[in-house]
Amino acid sequence: AVLVARIRAVLRRFGHAGGGRAEE
C-alpha cells in the first residue's frame, strides 16, 4: 500500500493519476 501511494504521488506530479488526468 505504501509503494502504491508513493507511485501515485509521483504520477500526480507528472500529470498522470493512475488512469486519469492530474492537475498541472
mmCIF file of all heavy atoms, coordinates in Angstrom:
data_MODEL
# 
_entry.id   MODEL 
# 
loop_
_atom_site.group_PDB 
_atom_site.id 
_atom_site.type_symbol 
_atom_site.label_atom_id 
_atom_site.label_alt_id 
_atom_site.label_comp_id 
_atom_site.label_asym_id 
_atom_site.label_entity_id 
_atom_site.label_seq_id 
_atom_site.pdbx_PDB_ins_code 
_atom_site.Cartn_x 
_atom_site.Cartn_y 
_atom_site.Cartn_z 
_atom_site.occupancy 
_atom_site.B_iso_or_equiv 
_atom_site.pdbx_formal_charge 
_atom_site.auth_seq_id 
_atom_site.auth_comp_id 
_atom_site.auth_asym_id 
_atom_site.auth_atom_id 
_atom_site.pdbx_PDB_model_num 
ATOM 1   N N   . ALA A 1 1  ? 0.831  -1.206 0.000   1.00 0.00 ? 1  ALA A N   1 
ATOM 2   C CA  . ALA A 1 1  ? 0.000  0.000  0.000   1.00 0.00 ? 1  ALA A CA  1 
ATOM 3   C C   . ALA A 1 1  ? 0.864  1.254  0.000   1.00 0.00 ? 1  ALA A C   1 
ATOM 4   O O   . ALA A 1 1  ? 0.526  2.257  -0.640  1.00 0.00 ? 1  ALA A O   1 
ATOM 5   C CB  . ALA A 1 1  ? -0.932 -0.004 1.215   1.00 0.00 ? 1  ALA A CB  1 
ATOM 6   N N   . VAL A 1 2  ? 1.998  1.204  0.722   1.00 0.00 ? 2  VAL A N   1 
ATOM 7   C CA  . VAL A 1 2  ? 2.901  2.352  0.758   1.00 0.00 ? 2  VAL A CA  1 
ATOM 8   C C   . VAL A 1 2  ? 3.523  2.570  -0.614  1.00 0.00 ? 2  VAL A C   1 
ATOM 9   O O   . VAL A 1 2  ? 3.620  3.706  -1.110  1.00 0.00 ? 2  VAL A O   1 
ATOM 10  C CB  . VAL A 1 2  ? 4.002  2.145  1.815   1.00 0.00 ? 2  VAL A CB  1 
ATOM 11  C CG1 . VAL A 1 2  ? 5.074  3.230  1.703   1.00 0.00 ? 2  VAL A CG1 1 
ATOM 12  C CG2 . VAL A 1 2  ? 3.398  2.156  3.220   1.00 0.00 ? 2  VAL A CG2 1 
ATOM 13  N N   . LEU A 1 3  ? 3.932  1.489  -1.269  1.00 0.00 ? 3  LEU A N   1 
ATOM 14  C CA  . LEU A 1 3  ? 4.527  1.607  -2.600  1.00 0.00 ? 3  LEU A CA  1 
ATOM 15  C C   . LEU A 1 3  ? 3.524  2.213  -3.584  1.00 0.00 ? 3  LEU A C   1 
ATOM 16  O O   . LEU A 1 3  ? 3.867  3.121  -4.353  1.00 0.00 ? 3  LEU A O   1 
ATOM 17  C CB  . LEU A 1 3  ? 4.979  0.237  -3.096  1.00 0.00 ? 3  LEU A CB  1 
ATOM 18  C CG  . LEU A 1 3  ? 5.589  0.217  -4.506  1.00 0.00 ? 3  LEU A CG  1 
ATOM 19  C CD1 . LEU A 1 3  ? 6.842  1.071  -4.567  1.00 0.00 ? 3  LEU A CD1 1 
ATOM 20  C CD2 . LEU A 1 3  ? 5.889  -1.215 -4.943  1.00 0.00 ? 3  LEU A CD2 1 
ATOM 21  N N   . VAL A 1 4  ? 2.290  1.743  -3.553  1.00 0.00 ? 4  VAL A N   1 
ATOM 22  C CA  . VAL A 1 4  ? 1.266  2.282  -4.447  1.00 0.00 ? 4  VAL A CA  1 
ATOM 23  C C   . VAL A 1 4  ? 1.034  3.761  -4.166  1.00 0.00 ? 4  VAL A C   1 
ATOM 24  O O   . VAL A 1 4  ? 0.901  4.568  -5.100  1.00 0.00 ? 4  VAL A O   1 
ATOM 25  C CB  . VAL A 1 4  ? -0.049 1.492  -4.313  1.00 0.00 ? 4  VAL A CB  1 
ATOM 26  C CG1 . VAL A 1 4  ? -1.193 2.208  -5.026  1.00 0.00 ? 4  VAL A CG1 1 
ATOM 27  C CG2 . VAL A 1 4  ? 0.119  0.094  -4.885  1.00 0.00 ? 4  VAL A CG2 1 
ATOM 28  N N   . ALA A 1 5  ? 1.007  4.135  -2.887  1.00 0.00 ? 5  ALA A N   1 
ATOM 29  C CA  . ALA A 1 5  ? 0.802  5.545  -2.532  1.00 0.00 ? 5  ALA A CA  1 
ATOM 30  C C   . ALA A 1 5  ? 1.933  6.414  -3.069  1.00 0.00 ? 5  ALA A C   1 
ATOM 31  O O   . ALA A 1 5  ? 1.699  7.510  -3.578  1.00 0.00 ? 5  ALA A O   1 
ATOM 32  C CB  . ALA A 1 5  ? 0.694  5.694  -1.015  1.00 0.00 ? 5  ALA A CB  1 
ATOM 33  N N   . ARG A 1 6  ? 3.167  5.917  -2.976  1.00 0.00 ? 6  ARG A N   1 
ATOM 34  C CA  . ARG A 1 6  ? 4.305  6.680  -3.465  1.00 0.00 ? 6  ARG A CA  1 
ATOM 35  C C   . ARG A 1 6  ? 4.264  6.784  -4.987  1.00 0.00 ? 6  ARG A C   1 
ATOM 36  O O   . ARG A 1 6  ? 4.593  7.826  -5.563  1.00 0.00 ? 6  ARG A O   1 
ATOM 37  C CB  . ARG A 1 6  ? 5.612  6.030  -3.004  1.00 0.00 ? 6  ARG A CB  1 
ATOM 38  C CG  . ARG A 1 6  ? 5.794  6.020  -1.498  1.00 0.00 ? 6  ARG A CG  1 
ATOM 39  C CD  . ARG A 1 6  ? 6.210  7.379  -0.970  1.00 0.00 ? 6  ARG A CD  1 
ATOM 40  N NE  . ARG A 1 6  ? 7.630  7.562  -1.053  1.00 0.00 ? 6  ARG A NE  1 
ATOM 41  C CZ  . ARG A 1 6  ? 8.504  7.186  -0.112  1.00 0.00 ? 6  ARG A CZ  1 
ATOM 42  N NH1 . ARG A 1 6  ? 8.060  6.585  0.986   1.00 0.00 ? 6  ARG A NH1 1 
ATOM 43  N NH2 . ARG A 1 6  ? 9.784  7.405  -0.264  1.00 0.00 ? 6  ARG A NH2 1 
ATOM 44  N N   . ILE A 1 7  ? 3.879  5.699  -5.654  1.00 0.00 ? 7  ILE A N   1 
ATOM 45  C CA  . ILE A 1 7  ? 3.765  5.727  -7.110  1.00 0.00 ? 7  ILE A CA  1 
ATOM 46  C C   . ILE A 1 7  ? 2.725  6.761  -7.526  1.00 0.00 ? 7  ILE A C   1 
ATOM 47  O O   . ILE A 1 7  ? 2.958  7.582  -8.425  1.00 0.00 ? 7  ILE A O   1 
ATOM 48  C CB  . ILE A 1 7  ? 3.386  4.338  -7.657  1.00 0.00 ? 7  ILE A CB  1 
ATOM 49  C CG1 . ILE A 1 7  ? 4.546  3.357  -7.486  1.00 0.00 ? 7  ILE A CG1 1 
ATOM 50  C CG2 . ILE A 1 7  ? 2.991  4.431  -9.130  1.00 0.00 ? 7  ILE A CG2 1 
ATOM 51  C CD1 . ILE A 1 7  ? 4.204  1.932  -7.831  1.00 0.00 ? 7  ILE A CD1 1 
ATOM 52  N N   . ARG A 1 8  ? 1.574  6.740  -6.891  1.00 0.00 ? 8  ARG A N   1 
ATOM 53  C CA  . ARG A 1 8  ? 0.510  7.672  -7.262  1.00 0.00 ? 8  ARG A CA  1 
ATOM 54  C C   . ARG A 1 8  ? 0.912  9.118  -6.970  1.00 0.00 ? 8  ARG A C   1 
ATOM 55  O O   . ARG A 1 8  ? 0.547  10.027 -7.729  1.00 0.00 ? 8  ARG A O   1 
ATOM 56  C CB  . ARG A 1 8  ? -0.787 7.311  -6.535  1.00 0.00 ? 8  ARG A CB  1 
ATOM 57  C CG  . ARG A 1 8  ? -1.365 5.967  -6.963  1.00 0.00 ? 8  ARG A CG  1 
ATOM 58  C CD  . ARG A 1 8  ? -2.814 5.825  -6.559  1.00 0.00 ? 8  ARG A CD  1 
ATOM 59  N NE  . ARG A 1 8  ? -3.326 4.489  -6.832  1.00 0.00 ? 8  ARG A NE  1 
ATOM 60  C CZ  . ARG A 1 8  ? -3.703 4.047  -8.022  1.00 0.00 ? 8  ARG A CZ  1 
ATOM 61  N NH1 . ARG A 1 8  ? -3.613 4.840  -9.079  1.00 0.00 ? 8  ARG A NH1 1 
ATOM 62  N NH2 . ARG A 1 8  ? -4.170 2.823  -8.178  1.00 0.00 ? 8  ARG A NH2 1 
ATOM 63  N N   . ALA A 1 9  ? 1.643  9.334  -5.892  1.00 0.00 ? 9  ALA A N   1 
ATOM 64  C CA  . ALA A 1 9  ? 2.107  10.686 -5.576  1.00 0.00 ? 9  ALA A CA  1 
ATOM 65  C C   . ALA A 1 9  ? 3.041  11.200 -6.661  1.00 0.00 ? 9  ALA A C   1 
ATOM 66  O O   . ALA A 1 9  ? 2.939  12.355 -7.101  1.00 0.00 ? 9  ALA A O   1 
ATOM 67  C CB  . ALA A 1 9  ? 2.809  10.707 -4.216  1.00 0.00 ? 9  ALA A CB  1 
ATOM 68  N N   . VAL A 1 10 ? 3.961  10.348 -7.121  1.00 0.00 ? 10 VAL A N   1 
ATOM 69  C CA  . VAL A 1 10 ? 4.877  10.750 -8.192  1.00 0.00 ? 10 VAL A CA  1 
ATOM 70  C C   . VAL A 1 10 ? 4.109  11.000 -9.479  1.00 0.00 ? 10 VAL A C   1 
ATOM 71  O O   . VAL A 1 10 ? 4.347  11.988 -10.190 1.00 0.00 ? 10 VAL A O   1 
ATOM 72  C CB  . VAL A 1 10 ? 5.967  9.678  -8.411  1.00 0.00 ? 10 VAL A CB  1 
ATOM 73  C CG1 . VAL A 1 10 ? 6.774  9.996  -9.660  1.00 0.00 ? 10 VAL A CG1 1 
ATOM 74  C CG2 . VAL A 1 10 ? 6.893  9.596  -7.199  1.00 0.00 ? 10 VAL A CG2 1 
ATOM 75  N N   . LEU A 1 11 ? 3.164  10.124 -9.798  1.00 0.00 ? 11 LEU A N   1 
ATOM 76  C CA  . LEU A 1 11 ? 2.397  10.266 -11.031 1.00 0.00 ? 11 LEU A CA  1 
ATOM 77  C C   . LEU A 1 11 ? 1.581  11.551 -11.048 1.00 0.00 ? 11 LEU A C   1 
ATOM 78  O O   . LEU A 1 11 ? 1.431  12.190 -12.089 1.00 0.00 ? 11 LEU A O   1 
ATOM 79  C CB  . LEU A 1 11 ? 1.483  9.059  -11.225 1.00 0.00 ? 11 LEU A CB  1 
ATOM 80  C CG  . LEU A 1 11 ? 2.191  7.741  -11.574 1.00 0.00 ? 11 LEU A CG  1 
ATOM 81  C CD1 . LEU A 1 11 ? 1.208  6.583  -11.515 1.00 0.00 ? 11 LEU A CD1 1 
ATOM 82  C CD2 . LEU A 1 11 ? 2.845  7.824  -12.939 1.00 0.00 ? 11 LEU A CD2 1 
ATOM 83  N N   . ARG A 1 12 ? 1.045  11.941 -9.893  1.00 0.00 ? 12 ARG A N   1 
ATOM 84  C CA  . ARG A 1 12 ? 0.295  13.208 -9.837  1.00 0.00 ? 12 ARG A CA  1 
ATOM 85  C C   . ARG A 1 12 ? 1.188  14.378 -10.201 1.00 0.00 ? 12 ARG A C   1 
ATOM 86  O O   . ARG A 1 12 ? 0.762  15.314 -10.876 1.00 0.00 ? 12 ARG A O   1 
ATOM 87  C CB  . ARG A 1 12 ? -0.311 13.407 -8.444  1.00 0.00 ? 12 ARG A CB  1 
ATOM 88  C CG  . ARG A 1 12 ? -1.548 12.578 -8.174  1.00 0.00 ? 12 ARG A CG  1 
ATOM 89  C CD  . ARG A 1 12 ? -2.290 13.075 -6.952  1.00 0.00 ? 12 ARG A CD  1 
ATOM 90  N NE  . ARG A 1 12 ? -1.509 12.904 -5.725  1.00 0.00 ? 12 ARG A NE  1 
ATOM 91  C CZ  . ARG A 1 12 ? -1.514 11.799 -4.993  1.00 0.00 ? 12 ARG A CZ  1 
ATOM 92  N NH1 . ARG A 1 12 ? -2.252 10.751 -5.355  1.00 0.00 ? 12 ARG A NH1 1 
ATOM 93  N NH2 . ARG A 1 12 ? -0.796 11.719 -3.884  1.00 0.00 ? 12 ARG A NH2 1 
ATOM 94  N N   . ARG A 1 13 ? 2.437  14.332 -9.759  1.00 0.00 ? 13 ARG A N   1 
ATOM 95  C CA  . ARG A 1 13 ? 3.359  15.422 -10.072 1.00 0.00 ? 13 ARG A CA  1 
ATOM 96  C C   . ARG A 1 13 ? 3.689  15.467 -11.556 1.00 0.00 ? 13 ARG A C   1 
ATOM 97  O O   . ARG A 1 13 ? 4.040  16.514 -12.082 1.00 0.00 ? 13 ARG A O   1 
ATOM 98  C CB  . ARG A 1 13 ? 4.659  15.265 -9.275  1.00 0.00 ? 13 ARG A CB  1 
ATOM 99  C CG  . ARG A 1 13 ? 4.479  15.245 -7.779  1.00 0.00 ? 13 ARG A CG  1 
ATOM 100 C CD  . ARG A 1 13 ? 5.758  15.621 -7.060  1.00 0.00 ? 13 ARG A CD  1 
ATOM 101 N NE  . ARG A 1 13 ? 6.912  14.845 -7.419  1.00 0.00 ? 13 ARG A NE  1 
ATOM 102 C CZ  . ARG A 1 13 ? 7.282  13.718 -6.825  1.00 0.00 ? 13 ARG A CZ  1 
ATOM 103 N NH1 . ARG A 1 13 ? 6.534  13.207 -5.874  1.00 0.00 ? 13 ARG A NH1 1 
ATOM 104 N NH2 . ARG A 1 13 ? 8.389  13.095 -7.192  1.00 0.00 ? 13 ARG A NH2 1 
ATOM 105 N N   . PHE A 1 14 ? 3.593  14.310 -12.208 1.00 0.00 ? 14 PHE A N   1 
ATOM 106 C CA  . PHE A 1 14 ? 3.997  14.229 -13.610 1.00 0.00 ? 14 PHE A CA  1 
ATOM 107 C C   . PHE A 1 14 ? 2.822  14.265 -14.579 1.00 0.00 ? 14 PHE A C   1 
ATOM 108 O O   . PHE A 1 14 ? 2.984  14.032 -15.762 1.00 0.00 ? 14 PHE A O   1 
ATOM 109 C CB  . PHE A 1 14 ? 4.806  12.949 -13.842 1.00 0.00 ? 14 PHE A CB  1 
ATOM 110 C CG  . PHE A 1 14 ? 6.241  13.057 -13.420 1.00 0.00 ? 14 PHE A CG  1 
ATOM 111 C CD1 . PHE A 1 14 ? 6.582  13.178 -12.085 1.00 0.00 ? 14 PHE A CD1 1 
ATOM 112 C CD2 . PHE A 1 14 ? 7.251  13.048 -14.358 1.00 0.00 ? 14 PHE A CD2 1 
ATOM 113 C CE1 . PHE A 1 14 ? 7.910  13.270 -11.687 1.00 0.00 ? 14 PHE A CE1 1 
ATOM 114 C CE2 . PHE A 1 14 ? 8.582  13.141 -13.976 1.00 0.00 ? 14 PHE A CE2 1 
ATOM 115 C CZ  . PHE A 1 14 ? 8.907  13.262 -12.631 1.00 0.00 ? 14 PHE A CZ  1 
ATOM 116 N N   . GLY A 1 15 ? 1.626  14.556 -14.076 1.00 0.00 ? 15 GLY A N   1 
ATOM 117 C CA  . GLY A 1 15 ? 0.485  14.677 -14.962 1.00 0.00 ? 15 GLY A CA  1 
ATOM 118 C C   . GLY A 1 15 ? -0.249 13.389 -15.247 1.00 0.00 ? 15 GLY A C   1 
ATOM 119 O O   . GLY A 1 15 ? -0.986 13.298 -16.215 1.00 0.00 ? 15 GLY A O   1 
ATOM 120 N N   . HIS A 1 16 ? -0.029 12.363 -14.395 1.00 0.00 ? 16 HIS A N   1 
ATOM 121 C CA  . HIS A 1 16 ? -0.788 11.123 -14.502 1.00 0.00 ? 16 HIS A CA  1 
ATOM 122 C C   . HIS A 1 16 ? -1.527 10.930 -13.182 1.00 0.00 ? 16 HIS A C   1 
ATOM 123 O O   . HIS A 1 16 ? -1.113 11.426 -12.145 1.00 0.00 ? 16 HIS A O   1 
ATOM 124 C CB  . HIS A 1 16 ? 0.128  9.909  -14.728 1.00 0.00 ? 16 HIS A CB  1 
ATOM 125 C CG  . HIS A 1 16 ? 0.928  10.003 -15.974 1.00 0.00 ? 16 HIS A CG  1 
ATOM 126 N ND1 . HIS A 1 16 ? 0.441  9.655  -17.200 1.00 0.00 ? 16 HIS A ND1 1 
ATOM 127 C CD2 . HIS A 1 16 ? 2.204  10.417 -16.181 1.00 0.00 ? 16 HIS A CD2 1 
ATOM 128 C CE1 . HIS A 1 16 ? 1.389  9.831  -18.112 1.00 0.00 ? 16 HIS A CE1 1 
ATOM 129 N NE2 . HIS A 1 16 ? 2.460  10.293 -17.528 1.00 0.00 ? 16 HIS A NE2 1 
ATOM 130 N N   . ALA A 1 17 ? -2.595 10.171 -13.227 1.00 0.00 ? 17 ALA A N   1 
ATOM 131 C CA  . ALA A 1 17 ? -3.336 9.890  -11.995 1.00 0.00 ? 17 ALA A CA  1 
ATOM 132 C C   . ALA A 1 17 ? -3.753 8.428  -11.945 1.00 0.00 ? 17 ALA A C   1 
ATOM 133 O O   . ALA A 1 17 ? -4.817 8.082  -11.471 1.00 0.00 ? 17 ALA A O   1 
ATOM 134 C CB  . ALA A 1 17 ? -4.565 10.790 -11.902 1.00 0.00 ? 17 ALA A CB  1 
ATOM 135 N N   . GLY A 1 18 ? -2.908 7.556  -12.461 1.00 0.00 ? 18 GLY A N   1 
ATOM 136 C CA  . GLY A 1 18 ? -3.215 6.141  -12.417 1.00 0.00 ? 18 GLY A CA  1 
ATOM 137 C C   . GLY A 1 18 ? -4.431 5.792  -13.251 1.00 0.00 ? 18 GLY A C   1 
ATOM 138 O O   . GLY A 1 18 ? -5.265 5.000  -12.847 1.00 0.00 ? 18 GLY A O   1 
ATOM 139 N N   . GLY A 1 19 ? -4.552 6.397  -14.415 1.00 0.00 ? 19 GLY A N   1 
ATOM 140 C CA  . GLY A 1 19 ? -5.671 6.106  -15.290 1.00 0.00 ? 19 GLY A CA  1 
ATOM 141 C C   . GLY A 1 19 ? -6.468 7.336  -15.626 1.00 0.00 ? 19 GLY A C   1 
ATOM 142 O O   . GLY A 1 19 ? -7.302 7.325  -16.505 1.00 0.00 ? 19 GLY A O   1 
ATOM 143 N N   . GLY A 1 20 ? -6.220 8.447  -14.944 1.00 0.00 ? 20 GLY A N   1 
ATOM 144 C CA  . GLY A 1 20 ? -6.931 9.679  -15.227 1.00 0.00 ? 20 GLY A CA  1 
ATOM 145 C C   . GLY A 1 20 ? -5.960 10.803 -15.474 1.00 0.00 ? 20 GLY A C   1 
ATOM 146 O O   . GLY A 1 20 ? -4.777 10.604 -15.642 1.00 0.00 ? 20 GLY A O   1 
ATOM 147 N N   . ARG A 1 21 ? -6.461 12.006 -15.499 1.00 0.00 ? 21 ARG A N   1 
ATOM 148 C CA  . ARG A 1 21 ? -5.620 13.167 -15.700 1.00 0.00 ? 21 ARG A CA  1 
ATOM 149 C C   . ARG A 1 21 ? -5.399 13.868 -14.367 1.00 0.00 ? 21 ARG A C   1 
ATOM 150 O O   . ARG A 1 21 ? -6.297 13.980 -13.559 1.00 0.00 ? 21 ARG A O   1 
ATOM 151 C CB  . ARG A 1 21 ? -6.276 14.157 -16.669 1.00 0.00 ? 21 ARG A CB  1 
ATOM 152 C CG  . ARG A 1 21 ? -6.586 13.563 -18.022 1.00 0.00 ? 21 ARG A CG  1 
ATOM 153 C CD  . ARG A 1 21 ? -5.355 13.039 -18.728 1.00 0.00 ? 21 ARG A CD  1 
ATOM 154 N NE  . ARG A 1 21 ? -4.381 14.097 -18.945 1.00 0.00 ? 21 ARG A NE  1 
ATOM 155 C CZ  . ARG A 1 21 ? -3.153 13.852 -19.378 1.00 0.00 ? 21 ARG A CZ  1 
ATOM 156 N NH1 . ARG A 1 21 ? -2.762 12.623 -19.599 1.00 0.00 ? 21 ARG A NH1 1 
ATOM 157 N NH2 . ARG A 1 21 ? -2.327 14.854 -19.571 1.00 0.00 ? 21 ARG A NH2 1 
ATOM 158 N N   . ALA A 1 22 ? -4.208 14.365 -14.170 1.00 0.00 ? 22 ALA A N   1 
ATOM 159 C CA  . ALA A 1 22 ? -3.890 15.066 -12.922 1.00 0.00 ? 22 ALA A CA  1 
ATOM 160 C C   . ALA A 1 22 ? -3.765 16.544 -13.186 1.00 0.00 ? 22 ALA A C   1 
ATOM 161 O O   . ALA A 1 22 ? -3.719 17.007 -14.318 1.00 0.00 ? 22 ALA A O   1 
ATOM 162 C CB  . ALA A 1 22 ? -2.573 14.526 -12.342 1.00 0.00 ? 22 ALA A CB  1 
ATOM 163 N N   . GLU A 1 23 ? -3.697 17.286 -12.084 1.00 0.00 ? 23 GLU A N   1 
ATOM 164 C CA  . GLU A 1 23 ? -3.574 18.729 -12.218 1.00 0.00 ? 23 GLU A CA  1 
ATOM 165 C C   . GLU A 1 23 ? -2.220 19.116 -12.766 1.00 0.00 ? 23 GLU A C   1 
ATOM 166 O O   . GLU A 1 23 ? -1.250 18.365 -12.656 1.00 0.00 ? 23 GLU A O   1 
ATOM 167 C CB  . GLU A 1 23 ? -3.771 19.391 -10.844 1.00 0.00 ? 23 GLU A CB  1 
ATOM 168 C CG  . GLU A 1 23 ? -2.622 19.184 -9.867  1.00 0.00 ? 23 GLU A CG  1 
ATOM 169 C CD  . GLU A 1 23 ? -2.669 17.850 -9.144  1.00 0.00 ? 23 GLU A CD  1 
ATOM 170 O OE1 . GLU A 1 23 ? -3.532 17.029 -9.457  1.00 0.00 ? 23 GLU A OE1 1 
ATOM 171 O OE2 . GLU A 1 23 ? -1.817 17.637 -8.253  1.00 0.00 ? 23 GLU A OE2 1 
ATOM 172 N N   . GLU A 1 24 ? -2.138 20.286 -13.388 1.00 0.00 ? 24 GLU A N   1 
ATOM 173 C CA  . GLU A 1 24 ? -0.856 20.811 -13.847 1.00 0.00 ? 24 GLU A CA  1 
ATOM 174 C C   . GLU A 1 24 ? -0.027 21.227 -12.642 1.00 0.00 ? 24 GLU A C   1 
ATOM 175 O O   . GLU A 1 24 ? -0.561 21.509 -11.571 1.00 0.00 ? 24 GLU A O   1 
ATOM 176 C CB  . GLU A 1 24 ? -1.083 22.024 -14.761 1.00 0.00 ? 24 GLU A CB  1 
ATOM 177 C CG  . GLU A 1 24 ? -1.743 21.683 -16.082 1.00 0.00 ? 24 GLU A CG  1 
ATOM 178 C CD  . GLU A 1 24 ? -0.921 20.728 -16.911 1.00 0.00 ? 24 GLU A CD  1 
ATOM 179 O OE1 . GLU A 1 24 ? 0.301  20.942 -17.012 1.00 0.00 ? 24 GLU A OE1 1 
ATOM 180 O OE2 . GLU A 1 24 ? -1.483 19.763 -17.450 1.00 0.00 ? 24 GLU A OE2 1 
# 
